[in-house]
Amino acid sequence: MNKSYKTAALIVVGIVLVLLSGVFFPYDDNEAATNPTQTVAAAMSVTVINSSAEPYVKDIVLRGYTESLRSVSLKSQLKGRISALPVEKGMRVSKGDIICSIDVEDREANYAESIAIVTQRELEHKASAELFKKGHRSETQHSSAKALLDTAIARASRSKVNLDNTQIRAPFDGIINDRPIEIGDYMKEGEVCALIMEEDPFLIVADISENQISQAKIGQEAHAILQGGRRIEGKIRYVSSIADKSTRTFRVELEIPNPNSDIREGITAELFLRGDEVPAQKISAATLVLEDNGLVGVRVVDQDNQVQFRETEILGNHENGIWVTAIPSEYKIITEGHEFVSAGENVNPVLAAN
C-alpha cells in the first residue's frame, strides 16, 4: 500500500509542475513572430555570383571539306595516235609543259605548204597592186588577188592550229592527277588525255543554313581546322545566291594558301565564320543544371531571394568554363548549392568571394 501512495504522490507533483510552468514561463506570440528561426528551420544558404553580361562573338561552325580551286580534263581537239607522254600521273607540271603528244602525221607538211602559198599570194597581190595603181588592172581583178591572199593566210592559220594541237599542254601550274592513255593509243576528238589539278590556292567548301547565310560575306576573314588539328586562315571568295533545293543550304567557299602543296582534295575540315556579337555570361560548366523536361540552364535567385530556373544556351568555351546567353541583371546565379534547392524555394544567397 505504501508503494501505491508514493506513486500517486509523484504523479500529482508532476501535474502541479506542468501547470506552474505556464505561469512562470509564459509563451510569447510576439516573440515567435519576430524570431521565426525558433519555430521553423532556417533558409538554406547558397553561393551566388552577380549576373554581368559581356560582348561575345559566337563563331559559326560549318562542316566541310577541301577542294581544288581548278581541276581540268585535258581533251584532244583532233584525232591521232599518241606518240609521246612526257609526264606521269602524280607529277607536278608548270603552265605550258607538254602533257601528251599526238603524231603530227602530214600536219607539219600541210603547214609548210600553206606558208609557201601565202608567200606566193603575197607576191601576186603586190604585183596586182602595182598594175592597179598604173591602171593596167581592174578593181575586180585586184580584189580577187586580195581574196586569194586572205584565203591562203586563213589556211595557214588553220594548219598552224592543227599542228599546235598535236601538243596538249598544261593550262596552269598543277599536278597530274590522272592520265588514262598510253603511248600508241588512238585518240578521238574530245577524248581525255589527262586530269590536271591546281594546288595553290585551295578551297574549303561547306554549306551554310538559310538562318545563317546573312553572316557570310565575300572578302570576310575566316579560318578552317583540318582533320588532324591544323588551322589555316583565309578569306571567303564565294557565297552562293541559290539554295540547294534538297537541303535548303548555300555553298560557301573559303580560299586558303597552299604554297607547299601539302593539302589534298577531299579532306574533312571545319569552317569557322565570325558571327554576330551578342551579350553573354561566363560561368563554370558545373553551374549548369538539367531539368526533368530536358531544358538546360541555371538556377538563379531573384530580388525576393526565391529560386528560379532560367533556360540558357551554350555559346562557346573559355579557359575556365563556358559562355552562355546572358542572364538578366536582376538575378544572381547560384554556383554552389544549386543541386539542393528547387524553383520557388526561399534561400539565403551568399556572394562568392572574388
Protein backbone atom coordinates (compact mmCIF):
# COMPACT_ATOMS: atom_id res chain seq x y z
CA MET A 1 0.00 0.00 0.00
CA ASN A 2 2.79 2.40 0.90
CA LYS A 3 4.20 1.92 -2.62
CA SER A 4 0.89 2.89 -4.26
CA TYR A 5 0.64 6.05 -2.18
CA LYS A 6 4.18 7.07 -3.20
CA THR A 7 3.43 6.59 -6.93
CA ALA A 8 0.24 8.63 -6.72
CA ALA A 9 2.07 11.40 -4.91
CA LEU A 10 4.73 11.60 -7.64
CA ILE A 11 2.06 11.88 -10.36
CA VAL A 12 0.34 14.72 -8.50
CA VAL A 13 3.63 16.58 -8.08
CA GLY A 14 4.35 16.25 -11.87
CA ILE A 15 0.96 17.66 -12.83
CA VAL A 16 1.42 20.62 -10.48
CA LEU A 17 4.83 21.40 -12.01
CA VAL A 18 3.39 21.39 -15.55
CA LEU A 19 0.65 23.80 -14.56
CA LEU A 20 3.08 26.09 -12.76
CA SER A 21 5.40 26.25 -15.85
CA GLY A 22 2.77 28.20 -17.72
CA VAL A 23 2.75 30.82 -15.02
CA PHE A 24 6.47 31.31 -14.62
CA PHE A 25 7.42 30.76 -18.34
CA PRO A 26 4.52 32.13 -20.40
CA TYR A 27 4.51 31.65 -24.31
CA ASP A 28 5.07 34.97 -26.08
CA ASP A 29 3.29 35.11 -29.50
CA ASN A 30 5.09 38.35 -30.45
CA GLU A 31 8.50 36.84 -29.85
CA ALA A 32 7.64 33.86 -32.01
CA ALA A 33 6.59 36.15 -34.83
CA THR A 34 9.75 38.29 -34.68
CA ASN A 35 12.10 35.32 -34.33
CA PRO A 36 10.78 32.61 -36.68
CA THR A 37 14.05 30.67 -36.52
CA GLN A 38 12.87 29.36 -33.08
CA THR A 39 9.81 27.73 -34.70
CA VAL A 40 10.83 26.83 -38.28
CA ALA A 41 14.02 25.65 -39.96
CA ALA A 42 16.44 28.38 -41.23
CA ALA A 43 16.59 29.09 -45.06
CA MET A 44 19.42 27.24 -46.86
CA SER A 45 22.49 29.26 -47.81
CA VAL A 46 23.71 29.13 -51.42
CA THR A 47 26.73 30.72 -53.08
CA VAL A 48 25.87 33.16 -55.87
CA ILE A 49 27.53 35.47 -58.39
CA ASN A 50 26.14 38.63 -59.95
CA SER A 51 24.84 38.34 -63.49
CA SER A 52 27.06 40.52 -65.68
CA ALA A 53 26.81 40.31 -69.48
CA GLU A 54 29.84 40.82 -71.73
CA PRO A 55 30.04 41.15 -75.54
CA TYR A 56 30.73 37.81 -77.16
CA VAL A 57 31.18 36.84 -80.81
CA LYS A 58 29.88 33.36 -81.47
CA ASP A 59 31.64 31.50 -84.28
CA ILE A 60 29.52 29.80 -86.90
CA VAL A 61 30.97 26.30 -87.34
CA LEU A 62 30.33 24.55 -90.64
CA ARG A 63 31.27 21.02 -91.59
CA GLY A 64 33.06 20.92 -94.93
CA TYR A 65 35.94 19.53 -96.97
CA THR A 66 38.91 20.62 -99.06
CA GLU A 67 38.55 21.12 -102.79
CA SER A 68 40.86 22.29 -105.54
CA LEU A 69 40.24 25.74 -106.98
CA ARG A 70 40.63 24.38 -110.54
CA SER A 71 40.59 20.85 -111.88
CA VAL A 72 40.56 20.43 -115.66
CA SER A 73 40.28 17.46 -118.00
CA LEU A 74 42.71 18.00 -120.89
CA LYS A 75 40.97 16.81 -124.04
CA SER A 76 42.21 16.28 -127.58
CA GLN A 77 40.98 18.69 -130.25
CA LEU A 78 41.90 16.36 -133.11
CA LYS A 79 42.27 12.69 -133.99
CA GLY A 80 45.58 10.89 -133.91
CA ARG A 81 47.86 8.34 -132.31
CA ILE A 82 49.72 9.16 -129.08
CA SER A 83 53.41 9.42 -129.87
CA ALA A 84 54.83 10.68 -126.55
CA LEU A 85 53.82 11.15 -122.88
CA PRO A 86 56.45 13.36 -121.21
CA VAL A 87 54.81 13.28 -117.74
CA GLU A 88 53.49 10.53 -115.49
CA LYS A 89 50.48 10.50 -113.20
CA GLY A 90 51.29 12.31 -109.93
CA MET A 91 53.94 14.60 -111.44
CA ARG A 92 53.81 18.36 -110.96
CA VAL A 93 53.95 20.49 -114.09
CA SER A 94 54.19 24.16 -114.99
CA LYS A 95 51.99 26.16 -117.30
CA GLY A 96 52.88 25.37 -120.94
CA ASP A 97 54.51 21.98 -120.26
CA ILE A 98 53.66 19.28 -122.81
CA ILE A 99 51.44 16.62 -121.26
CA CYS A 100 50.54 14.49 -124.31
CA SER A 101 51.93 14.44 -127.87
CA ILE A 102 49.88 13.26 -130.86
CA ASP A 103 51.61 12.08 -134.02
CA VAL A 104 51.85 15.09 -136.39
CA GLU A 105 51.47 12.85 -139.48
CA ASP A 106 51.18 15.18 -142.52
CA ARG A 107 50.16 18.23 -140.48
CA GLU A 108 53.67 19.68 -140.50
CA ALA A 109 53.89 19.29 -144.28
CA ASN A 110 50.46 20.87 -144.69
CA TYR A 111 51.59 23.85 -142.63
CA ALA A 112 54.78 24.27 -144.67
CA GLU A 113 52.74 24.10 -147.88
CA SER A 114 50.29 26.70 -146.60
CA ILE A 115 53.14 29.08 -145.74
CA ALA A 116 54.54 28.69 -149.26
CA ILE A 117 51.15 29.51 -150.77
CA VAL A 118 50.88 32.58 -148.57
CA THR A 119 54.26 33.77 -149.86
CA GLN A 120 53.12 33.25 -153.44
CA ARG A 121 49.83 35.07 -152.88
CA GLU A 122 51.63 37.98 -151.27
CA LEU A 123 53.81 38.42 -154.37
CA GLU A 124 50.78 38.18 -156.65
CA HIS A 125 48.88 40.71 -154.56
CA LYS A 126 51.84 43.09 -154.60
CA ALA A 127 52.11 42.86 -158.39
CA SER A 128 48.36 43.34 -158.74
CA ALA A 129 48.54 46.45 -156.59
CA GLU A 130 51.22 47.95 -158.89
CA LEU A 131 49.21 47.20 -162.02
CA PHE A 132 46.02 48.55 -160.45
CA LYS A 133 47.84 51.72 -159.46
CA LYS A 134 49.00 52.26 -163.07
CA GLY A 135 45.54 51.50 -164.42
CA HIS A 136 46.52 48.26 -166.11
CA ARG A 137 44.25 46.12 -163.92
CA SER A 138 40.63 46.42 -162.97
CA GLU A 139 39.39 46.78 -159.42
CA THR A 140 37.67 43.39 -159.67
CA GLN A 141 40.91 41.67 -160.64
CA HIS A 142 42.77 43.39 -157.84
CA SER A 143 40.09 42.40 -155.30
CA SER A 144 40.37 38.80 -156.50
CA ALA A 145 44.12 38.82 -155.76
CA LYS A 146 43.42 40.18 -152.30
CA ALA A 147 40.85 37.45 -151.66
CA LEU A 148 43.30 34.74 -152.71
CA LEU A 149 45.87 36.14 -150.28
CA ASP A 150 43.34 36.22 -147.39
CA THR A 151 42.30 32.65 -148.13
CA ALA A 152 45.92 31.49 -148.09
CA ILE A 153 46.54 33.22 -144.76
CA ALA A 154 43.43 31.62 -143.24
CA ARG A 155 44.50 28.18 -144.46
CA ALA A 156 47.96 28.67 -142.98
CA SER A 157 46.41 29.68 -139.65
CA ARG A 158 44.27 26.53 -139.55
CA SER A 159 47.29 24.40 -140.40
CA LYS A 160 49.27 26.04 -137.59
CA VAL A 161 46.45 25.43 -135.11
CA ASN A 162 46.21 21.77 -136.10
CA LEU A 163 49.95 21.38 -135.76
CA ASP A 164 49.97 23.08 -132.36
CA ASN A 165 47.08 20.91 -131.16
CA THR A 166 49.25 17.82 -131.51
CA GLN A 167 50.93 19.05 -128.32
CA ILE A 168 48.47 19.08 -125.38
CA ARG A 169 49.93 21.49 -122.81
CA ALA A 170 49.26 22.36 -119.18
CA PRO A 171 46.98 25.45 -118.93
CA PHE A 172 48.32 26.30 -115.45
CA ASP A 173 50.73 25.07 -112.77
CA GLY A 174 49.41 21.93 -111.14
CA ILE A 175 49.64 18.21 -110.57
CA ILE A 176 48.64 15.44 -112.99
CA ASN A 177 46.01 13.50 -111.05
CA ASP A 178 45.15 11.06 -113.81
CA ARG A 179 46.42 10.06 -117.26
CA PRO A 180 44.15 7.40 -118.76
CA ILE A 181 46.09 6.88 -122.02
CA GLU A 182 49.34 5.23 -123.05
CA ILE A 183 51.75 5.65 -125.98
CA GLY A 184 50.24 4.10 -129.08
CA ASP A 185 46.62 4.75 -128.08
CA TYR A 186 44.47 6.31 -130.76
CA MET A 187 42.65 9.40 -129.56
CA LYS A 188 39.44 10.79 -130.96
CA GLU A 189 38.34 14.40 -130.74
CA GLY A 190 37.12 15.17 -127.21
CA GLU A 191 38.83 12.23 -125.50
CA VAL A 192 40.64 12.92 -122.21
CA CYS A 193 44.41 12.91 -122.24
CA ALA A 194 44.97 13.81 -118.56
CA LEU A 195 43.41 15.43 -115.49
CA ILE A 196 45.33 18.38 -114.03
CA MET A 197 44.57 19.96 -110.66
CA GLU A 198 45.75 23.35 -109.41
CA GLU A 199 47.23 23.11 -105.91
CA ASP A 200 47.69 26.71 -104.81
CA PRO A 201 45.43 28.26 -103.70
CA PHE A 202 42.97 25.70 -102.35
CA LEU A 203 39.37 25.83 -101.11
CA ILE A 204 37.44 24.83 -98.01
CA VAL A 205 33.87 24.17 -99.13
CA ALA A 206 30.89 23.99 -96.76
CA ASP A 207 27.13 24.52 -96.69
CA ILE A 208 25.50 27.19 -94.52
CA SER A 209 21.87 27.28 -93.43
CA GLU A 210 19.37 29.89 -94.55
CA ASN A 211 19.22 31.19 -90.96
CA GLN A 212 22.96 32.00 -91.00
CA ILE A 213 23.54 32.98 -94.63
CA SER A 214 23.35 36.71 -93.82
CA GLN A 215 26.52 36.36 -91.71
CA ALA A 216 28.65 35.01 -94.59
CA LYS A 217 30.12 37.75 -96.78
CA ILE A 218 32.60 37.71 -99.67
CA GLY A 219 36.01 39.01 -98.53
CA GLN A 220 35.29 38.14 -94.90
CA GLU A 221 38.25 36.71 -92.98
CA ALA A 222 37.71 33.22 -91.58
CA HIS A 223 39.68 30.12 -90.69
CA ALA A 224 39.42 26.36 -91.01
CA ILE A 225 40.57 23.42 -88.91
CA LEU A 226 41.67 20.44 -91.00
CA GLN A 227 41.46 16.83 -89.93
CA GLY A 228 44.36 16.45 -87.52
CA GLY A 229 44.03 19.92 -85.98
CA ARG A 230 45.86 22.12 -88.49
CA ARG A 231 44.49 25.67 -88.56
CA ILE A 232 44.57 27.73 -91.76
CA GLU A 233 43.49 31.34 -92.25
CA GLY A 234 41.76 32.55 -95.39
CA LYS A 235 39.04 34.72 -96.91
CA ILE A 236 35.58 33.93 -98.19
CA ARG A 237 35.71 34.05 -102.01
CA TYR A 238 32.23 32.85 -102.86
CA VAL A 239 28.76 32.67 -101.29
CA SER A 240 26.04 31.05 -103.36
CA SER A 241 22.95 33.08 -104.14
CA ILE A 242 20.83 29.99 -104.78
CA ALA A 243 19.99 27.41 -102.12
CA ASP A 244 20.29 23.70 -102.72
CA LYS A 245 16.71 22.54 -103.33
CA SER A 246 17.06 19.37 -101.26
CA THR A 247 18.90 20.76 -98.21
CA ARG A 248 17.95 24.48 -98.32
CA THR A 249 21.60 25.36 -97.68
CA PHE A 250 24.02 27.64 -99.51
CA ARG A 251 27.55 26.82 -100.71
CA VAL A 252 30.37 28.82 -99.11
CA GLU A 253 34.00 28.75 -100.30
CA LEU A 254 36.99 29.77 -98.19
CA GLU A 255 40.16 30.38 -100.21
CA ILE A 256 43.32 29.29 -98.38
CA PRO A 257 47.01 29.30 -99.36
CA ASN A 258 48.75 26.01 -100.16
CA PRO A 259 52.31 27.03 -101.10
CA ASN A 260 53.80 23.67 -100.08
CA SER A 261 51.16 21.68 -101.97
CA ASP A 262 50.54 19.57 -98.87
CA ILE A 263 46.75 19.96 -98.72
CA ARG A 264 44.89 17.26 -100.59
CA GLU A 265 41.40 17.35 -102.04
CA GLY A 266 38.54 15.77 -100.10
CA ILE A 267 39.95 16.16 -96.57
CA THR A 268 37.35 16.77 -93.84
CA ALA A 269 37.51 20.28 -92.40
CA GLU A 270 35.57 22.63 -90.12
CA LEU A 271 34.98 26.15 -91.36
CA PHE A 272 34.69 28.89 -88.72
CA LEU A 273 32.92 32.12 -89.64
CA ARG A 274 32.74 35.14 -87.36
CA GLY A 275 29.14 35.54 -86.23
CA ASP A 276 27.22 38.47 -84.77
CA GLU A 277 28.18 39.98 -81.43
CA VAL A 278 25.77 39.04 -78.62
CA PRO A 279 25.66 39.63 -74.83
CA ALA A 280 26.86 36.58 -72.91
CA GLN A 281 27.85 35.40 -69.43
CA LYS A 282 30.97 33.48 -68.38
CA ILE A 283 30.21 30.69 -65.90
CA SER A 284 31.64 27.38 -64.76
CA ALA A 285 30.25 24.36 -66.59
CA ALA A 286 29.39 22.87 -63.17
CA THR A 287 26.84 25.66 -62.69
CA LEU A 288 24.56 24.24 -65.39
CA VAL A 289 21.56 22.11 -64.42
CA LEU A 290 19.36 19.80 -66.47
CA GLU A 291 15.65 19.99 -65.74
CA ASP A 292 13.36 16.97 -65.87
CA ASN A 293 11.82 18.33 -69.08
CA GLY A 294 15.24 18.28 -70.78
CA LEU A 295 15.93 22.03 -70.65
CA VAL A 296 19.47 23.17 -69.84
CA GLY A 297 20.01 26.30 -67.77
CA VAL A 298 20.99 27.71 -64.40
CA ARG A 299 19.25 28.24 -61.10
CA VAL A 300 19.10 31.87 -60.00
CA VAL A 301 17.94 33.89 -57.04
CA ASP A 302 15.55 36.78 -57.67
CA GLN A 303 15.17 40.00 -55.68
CA ASP A 304 12.93 38.24 -53.14
CA ASN A 305 15.62 35.57 -52.50
CA GLN A 306 13.49 32.98 -54.25
CA VAL A 307 14.98 30.32 -56.51
CA GLN A 308 14.07 30.31 -60.21
CA PHE A 309 15.21 28.31 -63.23
CA ARG A 310 16.45 30.21 -66.29
CA GLU A 311 16.97 28.36 -69.58
CA THR A 312 20.21 29.27 -71.34
CA GLU A 313 22.17 28.36 -74.47
CA ILE A 314 25.83 27.38 -74.51
CA LEU A 315 27.61 29.70 -76.95
CA GLY A 316 31.23 28.57 -76.60
CA ASN A 317 34.12 27.71 -74.32
CA HIS A 318 36.68 29.80 -72.46
CA GLU A 319 39.71 28.80 -70.42
CA ASN A 320 37.83 28.40 -67.13
CA GLY A 321 34.37 27.39 -68.25
CA ILE A 322 31.76 28.25 -70.83
CA TRP A 323 29.92 31.18 -72.38
CA VAL A 324 26.13 31.13 -72.12
CA THR A 325 23.41 33.50 -73.22
CA ALA A 326 23.13 36.44 -70.85
CA ILE A 327 21.06 36.17 -67.64
CA PRO A 328 19.06 39.31 -66.72
CA SER A 329 20.97 41.53 -64.31
CA GLU A 330 18.26 41.41 -61.62
CA TYR A 331 19.15 37.79 -60.92
CA LYS A 332 22.06 36.24 -59.05
CA ILE A 333 23.36 32.95 -60.43
CA ILE A 334 23.71 30.07 -57.95
CA THR A 335 27.15 28.50 -58.30
CA GLU A 336 27.19 26.27 -55.20
CA GLY A 337 24.21 24.57 -53.62
CA HIS A 338 22.02 24.57 -56.73
CA GLU A 339 21.75 20.77 -56.52
CA PHE A 340 19.89 21.01 -53.20
CA VAL A 341 17.30 23.69 -54.00
CA SER A 342 14.39 23.92 -56.40
CA ALA A 343 12.31 26.63 -58.07
CA GLY A 344 10.09 28.55 -55.68
CA GLU A 345 12.23 27.82 -52.61
CA ASN A 346 13.49 30.71 -50.43
CA VAL A 347 17.24 30.71 -49.84
CA ASN A 348 19.94 32.78 -48.19
CA PRO A 349 22.24 33.98 -51.05
CA VAL A 350 25.91 34.44 -50.15
CA LEU A 351 28.03 36.33 -52.70
CA ALA A 352 31.06 34.32 -53.81
CA ALA A 353 34.48 35.67 -52.91
CA ASN A 354 36.48 37.10 -55.83
